[in-house]
Amino acid sequence: MNRRPSWLWRSAVVVAALGLGACNAGDLEPGEQESLGTGEASLCTCGTTQYNTVQDGEGATCGAALTQARSHLNAYMASRCSSGSCNLTQSVRCVPIGPSRDDGFRYSITATFSCNEPVGCG
């Protein structure tokens, strides 16, 4: 008995089934179109007011100090921008705190950003 045609036939059936199943993968259900349309109203535009800040972090390594500085920056931006921030530009610097590398490092992030605003504001 020759098993090759059986294997080939099964492979063709699997490929055909996957192909037919993928044809409908991008279609929307009837209720999905309405939900996509209403979501557009909540999109934000980037405001024109720019905020500047320098946020620092300290740690045993530059990486640890970076984690702390980013946490401070994210908290600061969230306090200024309830809808999120945009147009973020950053410059960064990591320096040793003392003469010994065992003293740790300070990571500074100088950032400029604006706030997202709801459509129709600004």
PDB file of N, CA and C in Angstrom:
ATOM      1  N   MET A   1       0.841  -1.174   0.000  1.00  0.00           N
ATOM      2  CA  MET A   1       0.000   0.000   0.000  1.00  0.00           C
ATOM      3  C   MET A   1       0.886   1.236   0.000  1.00  0.00           C
ATOM      4  N   ASN A   2       0.569   2.186  -0.823  1.00  0.00           N
ATOM      5  CA  ASN A   2       1.342   3.401  -0.949  1.00  0.00           C
ATOM      6  C   ASN A   2       0.746   4.487  -0.046  1.00  0.00           C
ATOM      7  N   ARG A   3       1.510   4.970   0.949  1.00  0.00           N
ATOM      8  CA  ARG A   3       1.013   5.965   1.908  1.00  0.00           C
ATOM      9  C   ARG A   3       1.226   7.406   1.427  1.00  0.00           C
ATOM     10  N   ARG A   4       2.035   7.597   0.443  1.00  0.00           N
ATOM     11  CA  ARG A   4       2.338   8.952  -0.015  1.00  0.00           C
ATOM     12  C   ARG A   4       1.098   9.704  -0.502  1.00  0.00           C
ATOM     13  N   PRO A   5       0.245   9.162  -1.326  1.00  0.00           N
ATOM     14  CA  PRO A   5      -0.955   9.900  -1.757  1.00  0.00           C
ATOM     15  C   PRO A   5      -1.850  10.256  -0.569  1.00  0.00           C
ATOM     16  N   SER A   6      -1.936   9.376   0.451  1.00  0.00           N
ATOM     17  CA  SER A   6      -2.763   9.660   1.622  1.00  0.00           C
ATOM     18  C   SER A   6      -2.216  10.866   2.375  1.00  0.00           C
ATOM     19  N   TRP A   7      -0.906  10.915   2.564  1.00  0.00           N
ATOM     20  CA  TRP A   7      -0.284  12.042   3.262  1.00  0.00           C
ATOM     21  C   TRP A   7      -0.480  13.339   2.478  1.00  0.00           C
ATOM     22  N   LEU A   8      -0.309  13.262   1.165  1.00  0.00           N
ATOM     23  CA  LEU A   8      -0.473  14.425   0.302  1.00  0.00           C
ATOM     24  C   LEU A   8      -1.918  14.924   0.342  1.00  0.00           C
ATOM     25  N   TRP A   9      -2.867  14.005   0.318  1.00  0.00           N
ATOM     26  CA  TRP A   9      -4.278  14.367   0.363  1.00  0.00           C
ATOM     27  C   TRP A   9      -4.625  15.063   1.687  1.00  0.00           C
ATOM     28  N   ARG A  10      -4.134  14.537   2.788  1.00  0.00           N
ATOM     29  CA  ARG A  10      -4.408  15.140   4.102  1.00  0.00           C
ATOM     30  C   ARG A  10      -3.792  16.539   4.192  1.00  0.00           C
ATOM     31  N   SER A  11      -2.599  16.708   3.666  1.00  0.00           N
ATOM     32  CA  SER A  11      -1.959  18.024   3.685  1.00  0.00           C
ATOM     33  C   SER A  11      -2.769  19.028   2.878  1.00  0.00           C
ATOM     34  N   ALA A  12      -3.270  18.600   1.740  1.00  0.00           N
ATOM     35  CA  ALA A  12      -4.071  19.493   0.905  1.00  0.00           C
ATOM     36  C   ALA A  12      -5.360  19.899   1.617  1.00  0.00           C
ATOM     37  N   VAL A  13      -5.980  18.986   2.335  1.00  0.00           N
ATOM     38  CA  VAL A  13      -7.205  19.286   3.071  1.00  0.00           C
ATOM     39  C   VAL A  13      -6.915  20.299   4.185  1.00  0.00           C
ATOM     40  N   VAL A  14      -5.811  20.115   4.902  1.00  0.00           N
ATOM     41  CA  VAL A  14      -5.450  21.037   5.978  1.00  0.00           C
ATOM     42  C   VAL A  14      -5.171  22.432   5.415  1.00  0.00           C
ATOM     43  N   VAL A  15      -4.422  22.527   4.333  1.00  0.00           N
ATOM     44  CA  VAL A  15      -4.119  23.818   3.725  1.00  0.00           C
ATOM     45  C   VAL A  15      -5.392  24.494   3.244  1.00  0.00           C
ATOM     46  N   ALA A  16      -6.293  23.752   2.633  1.00  0.00           N
ATOM     47  CA  ALA A  16      -7.554  24.325   2.158  1.00  0.00           C
ATOM     48  C   ALA A  16      -8.399  24.835   3.318  1.00  0.00           C
ATOM     49  N   ALA A  17      -8.454  24.083   4.406  1.00  0.00           N
ATOM     50  CA  ALA A  17      -9.235  24.505   5.565  1.00  0.00           C
ATOM     51  C   ALA A  17      -8.665  25.770   6.185  1.00  0.00           C
ATOM     52  N   LEU A  18      -7.349  25.848   6.308  1.00  0.00           N
ATOM     53  CA  LEU A  18      -6.719  27.047   6.858  1.00  0.00           C
ATOM     54  C   LEU A  18      -6.936  28.247   5.944  1.00  0.00           C
ATOM     55  N   GLY A  19      -6.845  28.026   4.652  1.00  0.00           N
ATOM     56  CA  GLY A  19      -7.048  29.110   3.699  1.00  0.00           C
ATOM     57  C   GLY A  19      -8.464  29.648   3.743  1.00  0.00           C
ATOM     58  N   LEU A  20      -9.453  28.779   3.814  1.00  0.00           N
ATOM     59  CA  LEU A  20     -10.843  29.220   3.878  1.00  0.00           C
ATOM     60  C   LEU A  20     -11.133  29.915   5.208  1.00  0.00           C
ATOM     61  N   GLY A  21     -10.544  29.440   6.284  1.00  0.00           N
ATOM     62  CA  GLY A  21     -10.747  30.066   7.588  1.00  0.00           C
ATOM     63  C   GLY A  21     -10.147  31.457   7.652  1.00  0.00           C
ATOM     64  N   ALA A  22      -9.045  31.673   6.972  1.00  0.00           N
ATOM     65  CA  ALA A  22      -8.386  32.977   6.996  1.00  0.00           C
ATOM     66  C   ALA A  22      -9.102  34.006   6.140  1.00  0.00           C
ATOM     67  N   CYS A  23      -9.937  33.557   5.208  1.00  0.00           N
ATOM     68  CA  CYS A  23     -10.638  34.498   4.331  1.00  0.00           C
ATOM     69  C   CYS A  23     -11.546  35.426   5.111  1.00  0.00           C
ATOM     70  N   ASN A  24     -12.128  34.970   6.200  1.00  0.00           N
ATOM     71  CA  ASN A  24     -13.072  35.770   6.963  1.00  0.00           C
ATOM     72  C   ASN A  24     -12.414  36.412   8.175  1.00  0.00           C
ATOM     73  N   ALA A  25     -11.093  36.305   8.322  1.00  0.00           N
ATOM     74  CA  ALA A  25     -10.422  36.784   9.529  1.00  0.00           C
ATOM     75  C   ALA A  25     -10.484  38.290   9.680  1.00  0.00           C
ATOM     76  N   GLY A  26     -10.538  39.054   8.619  1.00  0.00           N
ATOM     77  CA  GLY A  26     -10.534  40.500   8.737  1.00  0.00           C
ATOM     78  C   GLY A  26     -11.908  41.138   8.754  1.00  0.00           C
ATOM     79  N   ASP A  27     -12.985  40.364   8.570  1.00  0.00           N
ATOM     80  CA  ASP A  27     -14.326  40.935   8.546  1.00  0.00           C
ATOM     81  C   ASP A  27     -14.776  41.324   9.941  1.00  0.00           C
ATOM     82  N   LEU A  28     -15.580  42.385  10.011  1.00  0.00           N
ATOM     83  CA  LEU A  28     -16.126  42.847  11.278  1.00  0.00           C
ATOM     84  C   LEU A  28     -17.487  42.232  11.512  1.00  0.00           C
ATOM     85  N   GLU A  29     -17.795  42.006  12.743  1.00  0.00           N
ATOM     86  CA  GLU A  29     -19.131  41.594  13.118  1.00  0.00           C
ATOM     87  C   GLU A  29     -20.030  42.823  12.997  1.00  0.00           C
ATOM     88  N   PRO A  30     -21.351  42.644  12.886  1.00  0.00           N
ATOM     89  CA  PRO A  30     -22.232  43.797  12.695  1.00  0.00           C
ATOM     90  C   PRO A  30     -22.097  44.878  13.775  1.00  0.00           C
ATOM     91  N   GLY A  31     -21.959  44.537  15.045  1.00  0.00           N
ATOM     92  CA  GLY A  31     -21.867  45.526  16.112  1.00  0.00           C
ATOM     93  C   GLY A  31     -20.514  46.198  16.213  1.00  0.00           C
ATOM     94  N   GLU A  32     -19.475  45.614  15.597  1.00  0.00           N
ATOM     95  CA  GLU A  32     -18.130  46.170  15.714  1.00  0.00           C
ATOM     96  C   GLU A  32     -17.968  47.486  14.961  1.00  0.00           C
ATOM     97  N   GLN A  33     -18.675  47.655  13.855  1.00  0.00           N
ATOM     98  CA  GLN A  33     -18.532  48.882  13.072  1.00  0.00           C
ATOM     99  C   GLN A  33     -18.962  50.094  13.891  1.00  0.00           C
ATOM    100  N   GLU A  34     -20.085  49.972  14.615  1.00  0.00           N
ATOM    101  CA  GLU A  34     -20.556  51.098  15.417  1.00  0.00           C
ATOM    102  C   GLU A  34     -19.560  51.442  16.521  1.00  0.00           C
ATOM    103  N   SER A  35     -18.976  50.428  17.163  1.00  0.00           N
ATOM    104  CA  SER A  35     -18.060  50.713  18.256  1.00  0.00           C
ATOM    105  C   SER A  35     -16.781  51.374  17.746  1.00  0.00           C
ATOM    106  N   LEU A  36     -16.363  51.059  16.534  1.00  0.00           N
ATOM    107  CA  LEU A  36     -15.191  51.725  15.977  1.00  0.00           C
ATOM    108  C   LEU A  36     -15.491  53.185  15.692  1.00  0.00           C
ATOM    109  N   GLY A  37     -16.678  53.475  15.208  1.00  0.00           N
ATOM    110  CA  GLY A  37     -17.045  54.848  14.894  1.00  0.00           C
ATOM    111  C   GLY A  37     -17.140  55.727  16.119  1.00  0.00           C
ATOM    112  N   THR A  38     -17.672  55.226  17.218  1.00  0.00           N
ATOM    113  CA  THR A  38     -17.810  56.047  18.418  1.00  0.00           C
ATOM    114  C   THR A  38     -16.480  56.253  19.110  1.00  0.00           C
ATOM    115  N   GLY A  39     -15.512  55.345  18.903  1.00  0.00           N
ATOM    116  CA  GLY A  39     -14.211  55.486  19.529  1.00  0.00           C
ATOM    117  C   GLY A  39     -13.399  56.637  18.959  1.00  0.00           C
ATOM    118  N   GLU A  40     -13.719  57.080  17.749  1.00  0.00           N
ATOM    119  CA  GLU A  40     -12.961  58.163  17.135  1.00  0.00           C
ATOM    120  C   GLU A  40     -13.144  59.479  17.873  1.00  0.00           C
ATOM    121  N   ALA A  41     -14.282  59.672  18.546  1.00  0.00           N
ATOM    122  CA  ALA A  41     -14.533  60.921  19.255  1.00  0.00           C
ATOM    123  C   ALA A  41     -13.584  61.105  20.429  1.00  0.00           C
ATOM    124  N   SER A  42     -13.029  60.025  20.967  1.00  0.00           N
ATOM    125  CA  SER A  42     -12.154  60.140  22.125  1.00  0.00           C
ATOM    126  C   SER A  42     -10.687  60.339  21.740  1.00  0.00           C
ATOM    127  N   LEU A  43     -10.382  60.381  20.428  1.00  0.00           N
ATOM    128  CA  LEU A  43      -9.000  60.606  20.015  1.00  0.00           C
ATOM    129  C   LEU A  43      -8.543  62.002  20.433  1.00  0.00           C
ATOM    130  N   CYS A  44      -7.291  62.124  20.778  1.00  0.00           N
ATOM    131  CA  CYS A  44      -6.755  63.433  21.237  1.00  0.00           C
ATOM    132  C   CYS A  44      -5.837  64.038  20.206  1.00  0.00           C
ATOM    133  N   THR A  45      -5.671  65.379  20.292  1.00  0.00           N
ATOM    134  CA  THR A  45      -4.694  66.105  19.499  1.00  0.00           C
ATOM    135  C   THR A  45      -3.623  66.600  20.450  1.00  0.00           C
ATOM    136  N   CYS A  46      -2.461  66.873  19.931  1.00  0.00           N
ATOM    137  CA  CYS A  46      -1.354  67.323  20.760  1.00  0.00           C
ATOM    138  C   CYS A  46      -1.495  68.812  21.011  1.00  0.00           C
ATOM    139  N   GLY A  47      -1.461  69.221  22.270  1.00  0.00           N
ATOM    140  CA  GLY A  47      -1.590  70.621  22.640  1.00  0.00           C
ATOM    141  C   GLY A  47      -0.361  71.425  22.261  1.00  0.00           C
ATOM    142  N   THR A  48      -0.477  72.730  22.346  1.00  0.00           N
ATOM    143  CA  THR A  48       0.617  73.609  21.959  1.00  0.00           C
ATOM    144  C   THR A  48       1.477  74.033  23.145  1.00  0.00           C
ATOM    145  N   THR A  49       0.974  73.886  24.367  1.00  0.00           N
ATOM    146  CA  THR A  49       1.757  74.251  25.544  1.00  0.00           C
ATOM    147  C   THR A  49       2.853  73.225  25.762  1.00  0.00           C
ATOM    148  N   GLN A  50       4.078  73.696  25.921  1.00  0.00           N
ATOM    149  CA  GLN A  50       5.210  72.794  26.159  1.00  0.00           C
ATOM    150  C   GLN A  50       5.643  72.889  27.613  1.00  0.00           C
ATOM    151  N   TYR A  51       5.929  71.729  28.180  1.00  0.00           N
ATOM    152  CA  TYR A  51       6.426  71.639  29.545  1.00  0.00           C
ATOM    153  C   TYR A  51       7.871  71.166  29.499  1.00  0.00           C
ATOM    154  N   ASN A  52       8.696  71.697  30.392  1.00  0.00           N
ATOM    155  CA  ASN A  52      10.099  71.305  30.504  1.00  0.00           C
ATOM    156  C   ASN A  52      10.333  70.800  31.922  1.00  0.00           C
ATOM    157  N   THR A  53      11.118  69.759  32.041  1.00  0.00           N
ATOM    158  CA  THR A  53      11.434  69.226  33.359  1.00  0.00           C
ATOM    159  C   THR A  53      12.774  68.501  33.312  1.00  0.00           C
ATOM    160  N   VAL A  54      13.403  68.422  34.460  1.00  0.00           N
ATOM    161  CA  VAL A  54      14.580  67.578  34.635  1.00  0.00           C
ATOM    162  C   VAL A  54      14.246  66.636  35.778  1.00  0.00           C
ATOM    163  N   GLN A  55      14.308  65.344  35.505  1.00  0.00           N
ATOM    164  CA  GLN A  55      14.009  64.334  36.518  1.00  0.00           C
ATOM    165  C   GLN A  55      15.251  63.481  36.727  1.00  0.00           C
ATOM    166  N   ASP A  56      15.590  63.273  37.998  1.00  0.00           N
ATOM    167  CA  ASP A  56      16.792  62.518  38.352  1.00  0.00           C
ATOM    168  C   ASP A  56      16.430  61.211  39.033  1.00  0.00           C
ATOM    169  N   GLY A  57      17.349  60.281  38.942  1.00  0.00           N
ATOM    170  CA  GLY A  57      17.258  59.027  39.685  1.00  0.00           C
ATOM    171  C   GLY A  57      18.645  58.618  40.118  1.00  0.00           C
ATOM    172  N   GLU A  58      18.726  57.924  41.235  1.00  0.00           N
ATOM    173  CA  GLU A  58      20.013  57.447  41.727  1.00  0.00           C
ATOM    174  C   GLU A  58      19.943  55.950  41.947  1.00  0.00           C
ATOM    175  N   GLY A  59      21.075  55.285  41.707  1.00  0.00           N
ATOM    176  CA  GLY A  59      21.133  53.851  41.895  1.00  0.00           C
ATOM    177  C   GLY A  59      22.556  53.345  41.871  1.00  0.00           C
ATOM    178  N   ALA A  60      22.695  52.071  42.174  1.00  0.00           N
ATOM    179  CA  ALA A  60      24.019  51.447  42.202  1.00  0.00           C
ATOM    180  C   ALA A  60      24.638  51.386  40.811  1.00  0.00           C
ATOM    181  N   THR A  61      23.806  51.354  39.771  1.00  0.00           N
ATOM    182  CA  THR A  61      24.274  51.337  38.382  1.00  0.00           C
ATOM    183  C   THR A  61      23.510  52.396  37.599  1.00  0.00           C
ATOM    184  N   CYS A  62      23.984  52.709  36.403  1.00  0.00           N
ATOM    185  CA  CYS A  62      23.245  53.649  35.551  1.00  0.00           C
ATOM    186  C   CYS A  62      21.860  53.100  35.207  1.00  0.00           C
ATOM    187  N   GLY A  63      21.786  51.796  35.016  1.00  0.00           N
ATOM    188  CA  GLY A  63      20.502  51.178  34.699  1.00  0.00           C
ATOM    189  C   GLY A  63      19.497  51.339  35.821  1.00  0.00           C
ATOM    190  N   ALA A  64      19.933  51.145  37.056  1.00  0.00           N
ATOM    191  CA  ALA A  64      19.042  51.313  38.208  1.00  0.00           C
ATOM    192  C   ALA A  64      18.635  52.775  38.355  1.00  0.00           C
ATOM    193  N   ALA A  65      19.579  53.678  38.148  1.00  0.00           N
ATOM    194  CA  ALA A  65      19.264  55.102  38.227  1.00  0.00           C
ATOM    195  C   ALA A  65      18.300  55.510  37.115  1.00  0.00           C
ATOM    196  N   LEU A  66      18.458  54.937  35.922  1.00  0.00           N
ATOM    197  CA  LEU A  66      17.557  55.207  34.806  1.00  0.00           C
ATOM    198  C   LEU A  66      16.139  54.786  35.141  1.00  0.00           C
ATOM    199  N   THR A  67      15.988  53.616  35.733  1.00  0.00           N
ATOM    200  CA  THR A  67      14.655  53.123  36.099  1.00  0.00           C
ATOM    201  C   THR A  67      13.963  54.118  37.025  1.00  0.00           C
ATOM    202  N   GLN A  68      14.686  54.622  38.006  1.00  0.00           N
ATOM    203  CA  GLN A  68      14.107  55.579  38.944  1.00  0.00           C
ATOM    204  C   GLN A  68      13.793  56.912  38.252  1.00  0.00           C
ATOM    205  N   ALA A  69      14.695  57.391  37.414  1.00  0.00           N
ATOM    206  CA  ALA A  69      14.465  58.660  36.713  1.00  0.00           C
ATOM    207  C   ALA A  69      13.262  58.560  35.780  1.00  0.00           C
ATOM    208  N   ARG A  70      13.138  57.450  35.063  1.00  0.00           N
ATOM    209  CA  ARG A  70      11.974  57.260  34.174  1.00  0.00           C
ATOM    210  C   ARG A  70      10.678  57.215  34.967  1.00  0.00           C
ATOM    211  N   SER A  71      10.710  56.571  36.120  1.00  0.00           N
ATOM    212  CA  SER A  71       9.532  56.516  36.981  1.00  0.00           C
ATOM    213  C   SER A  71       9.122  57.926  37.410  1.00  0.00           C
ATOM    214  N   HIS A  72      10.099  58.749  37.795  1.00  0.00           N
ATOM    215  CA  HIS A  72       9.813  60.126  38.180  1.00  0.00           C
ATOM    216  C   HIS A  72       9.261  60.928  36.999  1.00  0.00           C
ATOM    217  N   LEU A  73       9.855  60.735  35.812  1.00  0.00           N
ATOM    218  CA  LEU A  73       9.399  61.445  34.619  1.00  0.00           C
ATOM    219  C   LEU A  73       7.968  61.052  34.272  1.00  0.00           C
ATOM    220  N   ASN A  74       7.684  59.755  34.298  1.00  0.00           N
ATOM    221  CA  ASN A  74       6.327  59.296  33.974  1.00  0.00           C
ATOM    222  C   ASN A  74       5.304  59.836  34.958  1.00  0.00           C
ATOM    223  N   ALA A  75       5.648  59.870  36.247  1.00  0.00           N
ATOM    224  CA  ALA A  75       4.739  60.414  37.259  1.00  0.00           C
ATOM    225  C   ALA A  75       4.510  61.906  37.035  1.00  0.00           C
ATOM    226  N   TYR A  76       5.577  62.638  36.705  1.00  0.00           N
ATOM    227  CA  TYR A  76       5.456  64.072  36.458  1.00  0.00           C
ATOM    228  C   TYR A  76       4.568  64.337  35.238  1.00  0.00           C
ATOM    229  N   MET A  77       4.798  63.595  34.139  1.00  0.00           N
ATOM    230  CA  MET A  77       3.996  63.798  32.940  1.00  0.00           C
ATOM    231  C   MET A  77       2.533  63.445  33.201  1.00  0.00           C
ATOM    232  N   ALA A  78       2.291  62.391  33.967  1.00  0.00           N
ATOM    233  CA  ALA A  78       0.908  62.007  34.288  1.00  0.00           C
ATOM    234  C   ALA A  78       0.221  63.073  35.133  1.00  0.00           C
ATOM    235  N   SER A  79       0.975  63.740  36.018  1.00  0.00           N
ATOM    236  CA  SER A  79       0.369  64.794  36.843  1.00  0.00           C
ATOM    237  C   SER A  79       0.025  66.027  36.015  1.00  0.00           C
ATOM    238  N   ARG A  80       0.744  66.267  34.942  1.00  0.00           N
ATOM    239  CA  ARG A  80       0.488  67.412  34.071  1.00  0.00           C
ATOM    240  C   ARG A  80      -0.539  67.097  32.983  1.00  0.00           C
ATOM    241  N   CYS A  81      -0.546  65.853  32.506  1.00  0.00           N
ATOM    242  CA  CYS A  81      -1.326  65.488  31.321  1.00  0.00           C
ATOM    243  C   CYS A  81      -2.247  64.305  31.637  1.00  0.00           C
ATOM    244  N   SER A  82      -3.493  64.588  31.957  1.00  0.00           N
ATOM    245  CA  SER A  82      -4.418  63.500  32.291  1.00  0.00           C
ATOM    246  C   SER A  82      -4.753  62.627  31.084  1.00  0.00           C
ATOM    247  N   SER A  83      -4.642  63.173  29.866  1.00  0.00           N
ATOM    248  CA  SER A  83      -4.932  62.409  28.646  1.00  0.00           C
ATOM    249  C   SER A  83      -3.673  61.846  28.003  1.00  0.00           C
ATOM    250  N   GLY A  84      -2.535  61.965  28.685  1.00  0.00           N
ATOM    251  CA  GLY A  84      -1.285  61.458  28.148  1.00  0.00           C
ATOM    252  C   GLY A  84      -0.458  62.567  27.525  1.00  0.00           C
ATOM    253  N   SER A  85       0.791  62.266  27.242  1.00  0.00           N
ATOM    254  CA  SER A  85       1.706  63.265  26.699  1.00  0.00           C
ATOM    255  C   SER A  85       2.007  62.965  25.234  1.00  0.00           C
ATOM    256  N   CYS A  86       2.590  63.967  24.561  1.00  0.00           N
ATOM    257  CA  CYS A  86       2.957  63.822  23.154  1.00  0.00           C
ATOM    258  C   CYS A  86       4.153  64.723  22.876  1.00  0.00           C
ATOM    259  N   ASN A  87       4.740  64.571  21.713  1.00  0.00           N
ATOM    260  CA  ASN A  87       5.916  65.357  21.302  1.00  0.00           C
ATOM    261  C   ASN A  87       7.018  65.356  22.358  1.00  0.00           C
ATOM    262  N   LEU A  88       7.287  64.206  22.916  1.00  0.00           N
ATOM    263  CA  LEU A  88       8.303  64.079  23.949  1.00  0.00           C
ATOM    264  C   LEU A  88       9.697  64.066  23.331  1.00  0.00           C
ATOM    265  N   THR A  89      10.555  64.966  23.803  1.00  0.00           N
ATOM    266  CA  THR A  89      11.966  64.928  23.434  1.00  0.00           C
ATOM    267  C   THR A  89      12.762  64.853  24.730  1.00  0.00           C
ATOM    268  N   GLN A  90      13.851  64.097  24.694  1.00  0.00           N
ATOM    269  CA  GLN A  90      14.631  63.868  25.897  1.00  0.00           C
ATOM    270  C   GLN A  90      16.119  63.958  25.601  1.00  0.00           C
ATOM    271  N   SER A  91      16.851  64.404  26.598  1.00  0.00           N
ATOM    272  CA  SER A  91      18.303  64.231  26.586  1.00  0.00           C
ATOM    273  C   SER A  91      18.645  63.602  27.927  1.00  0.00           C
ATOM    274  N   VAL A  92      19.630  62.737  27.936  1.00  0.00           N
ATOM    275  CA  VAL A  92      19.930  61.960  29.131  1.00  0.00           C
ATOM    276  C   VAL A  92      21.410  62.063  29.479  1.00  0.00           C
ATOM    277  N   ARG A  93      21.685  61.842  30.762  1.00  0.00           N
ATOM    278  CA  ARG A  93      23.069  61.892  31.214  1.00  0.00           C
ATOM    279  C   ARG A  93      23.193  61.040  32.475  1.00  0.00           C
ATOM    280  N   CYS A  94      24.217  60.198  32.515  1.00  0.00           N
ATOM    281  CA  CYS A  94      24.499  59.384  33.694  1.00  0.00           C
ATOM    282  C   CYS A  94      25.903  59.722  34.178  1.00  0.00           C
ATOM    283  N   VAL A  95      26.004  60.091  35.456  1.00  0.00           N
ATOM    284  CA  VAL A  95      27.305  60.459  36.031  1.00  0.00           C
ATOM    285  C   VAL A  95      27.485  59.760  37.374  1.00  0.00           C
ATOM    286  N   PRO A  96      28.724  59.486  37.745  1.00  0.00           N
ATOM    287  CA  PRO A  96      28.974  58.915  39.071  1.00  0.00           C
ATOM    288  C   PRO A  96      28.631  59.947  40.153  1.00  0.00           C
ATOM    289  N   ILE A  97      28.103  59.461  41.281  1.00  0.00           N
ATOM    290  CA  ILE A  97      27.759  60.358  42.382  1.00  0.00           C
ATOM    291  C   ILE A  97      29.014  60.819  43.120  1.00  0.00           C
ATOM    292  N   GLY A  98      29.968  59.937  43.304  1.00  0.00           N
ATOM    293  CA  GLY A  98      31.181  60.281  44.032  1.00  0.00           C
ATOM    294  C   GLY A  98      32.412  59.815  43.287  1.00  0.00           C
ATOM    295  N   PRO A  99      33.560  59.897  43.956  1.00  0.00           N
ATOM    296  CA  PRO A  99      34.813  59.513  43.300  1.00  0.00           C
ATOM    297  C   PRO A  99      34.936  58.005  43.064  1.00  0.00           C
ATOM    298  N   SER A 100      34.204  57.222  43.818  1.00  0.00           N
ATOM    299  CA  SER A 100      34.252  55.770  43.660  1.00  0.00           C
ATOM    300  C   SER A 100      32.997  55.282  42.941  1.00  0.00           C
ATOM    301  N   ARG A 101      33.165  54.273  42.087  1.00  0.00           N
ATOM    302  CA  ARG A 101      31.999  53.695  41.409  1.00  0.00           C
ATOM    303  C   ARG A 101      31.041  53.053  42.407  1.00  0.00           C
ATOM    304  N   ASP A 102      31.546  52.737  43.594  1.00  0.00           N
ATOM    305  CA  ASP A 102      30.692  52.151  44.633  1.00  0.00           C
ATOM    306  C   ASP A 102      29.734  53.183  45.231  1.00  0.00           C
ATOM    307  N   ASP A 103      29.961  54.465  44.958  1.00  0.00           N
ATOM    308  CA  ASP A 103      29.088  55.526  45.464  1.00  0.00           C
ATOM    309  C   ASP A 103      27.761  55.575  44.717  1.00  0.00           C
ATOM    310  N   GLY A 104      27.690  54.952  43.562  1.00  0.00           N
ATOM    311  CA  GLY A 104      26.458  54.940  42.777  1.00  0.00           C
ATOM    312  C   GLY A 104      26.487  55.957  41.647  1.00  0.00           C
ATOM    313  N   PHE A 105      25.337  56.079  40.989  1.00  0.00           N
ATOM    314  CA  PHE A 105      25.222  56.921  39.806  1.00  0.00           C
ATOM    315  C   PHE A 105      23.946  57.751  39.857  1.00  0.00           C
ATOM    316  N   ARG A 106      23.994  58.896  39.209  1.00  0.00           N
ATOM    317  CA  ARG A 106      22.828  59.762  39.049  1.00  0.00           C
ATOM    318  C   ARG A 106      22.513  59.837  37.562  1.00  0.00           C
ATOM    319  N   TYR A 107      21.269  59.540  37.235  1.00  0.00           N
ATOM    320  CA  TYR A 107      20.801  59.587  35.851  1.00  0.00           C
ATOM    321  C   TYR A 107      19.832  60.750  35.747  1.00  0.00           C
ATOM    322  N   SER A 108      20.081  61.676  34.839  1.00  0.00           N
ATOM    323  CA  SER A 108      19.215  62.839  34.643  1.00  0.00           C
ATOM    324  C   SER A 108      18.548  62.762  33.277  1.00  0.00           C
ATOM    325  N   ILE A 109      17.259  63.012  33.264  1.00  0.00           N
ATOM    326  CA  ILE A 109      16.495  63.090  32.012  1.00  0.00           C
ATOM    327  C   ILE A 109      15.955  64.507  31.901  1.00  0.00           C
ATOM    328  N   THR A 110      16.387  65.221  30.887  1.00  0.00           N
ATOM    329  CA  THR A 110      15.834  66.541  30.583  1.00  0.00           C
ATOM    330  C   THR A 110      14.798  66.324  29.490  1.00  0.00           C
ATOM    331  N   ALA A 111      13.550  66.688  29.772  1.00  0.00           N
ATOM    332  CA  ALA A 111      12.464  66.375  28.845  1.00  0.00           C
ATOM    333  C   ALA A 111      11.636  67.617  28.529  1.00  0.00           C
ATOM    334  N   THR A 112      11.158  67.668  27.311  1.00  0.00           N
ATOM    335  CA  THR A 112      10.177  68.652  26.854  1.00  0.00           C
ATOM    336  C   THR A 112       9.024  67.865  26.267  1.00  0.00           C
ATOM    337  N   PHE A 113       7.798  68.240  26.633  1.00  0.00           N
ATOM    338  CA  PHE A 113       6.633  67.499  26.146  1.00  0.00           C
ATOM    339  C   PHE A 113       5.411  68.411  26.133  1.00  0.00           C
ATOM    340  N   SER A 114       4.382  67.959  25.449  1.00  0.00           N
ATOM    341  CA  SER A 114       3.077  68.609  25.440  1.00  0.00           C
ATOM    342  C   SER A 114       2.057  67.597  25.908  1.00  0.00           C
ATOM    343  N   CYS A 115       0.828  68.060  26.127  1.00  0.00           N
ATOM    344  CA  CYS A 115      -0.240  67.171  26.591  1.00  0.00           C
ATOM    345  C   CYS A 115      -1.246  66.906  25.474  1.00  0.00           C
ATOM    346  N   ASN A 116      -1.771  65.695  25.445  1.00  0.00           N
ATOM    347  CA  ASN A 116      -2.875  65.378  24.547  1.00  0.00           C
ATOM    348  C   ASN A 116      -4.102  66.135  25.037  1.00  0.00           C
ATOM    349  N   GLU A 117      -4.902  66.630  24.098  1.00  0.00           N
ATOM    350  CA  GLU A 117      -6.134  67.325  24.424  1.00  0.00           C
ATOM    351  C   GLU A 117      -7.278  66.657  23.699  1.00  0.00           C
ATOM    352  N   PRO A 118      -8.446  66.630  24.315  1.00  0.00           N
ATOM    353  CA  PRO A 118      -9.611  66.063  23.613  1.00  0.00           C
ATOM    354  C   PRO A 118      -9.917  66.854  22.342  1.00  0.00           C
ATOM    355  N   VAL A 119     -10.499  66.189  21.361  1.00  0.00           N
ATOM    356  CA  VAL A 119     -10.870  66.834  20.107  1.00  0.00           C
ATOM    357  C   VAL A 119     -11.820  68.000  20.405  1.00  0.00           C
ATOM    358  N   GLY A 120     -11.586  69.125  19.778  1.00  0.00           N
ATOM    359  CA  GLY A 120     -12.440  70.293  19.973  1.00  0.00           C
ATOM    360  C   GLY A 120     -11.911  71.241  21.025  1.00  0.00           C
ATOM    361  N   CYS A 121     -10.847  70.879  21.735  1.00  0.00           N
ATOM    362  CA  CYS A 121     -10.251  71.754  22.745  1.00  0.00           C
ATOM    363  C   CYS A 121      -9.021  72.417  22.146  1.00  0.00           C
ATOM    364  N   GLY A 122      -8.586  73.484  22.751  1.00  0.00           N
ATOM    365  CA  GLY A 122      -7.322  74.099  22.362  1.00  0.00           C
ATOM    366  C   GLY A 122      -7.486  75.195  21.477  1.00  0.00           C
TER     367      GLY A 122
END
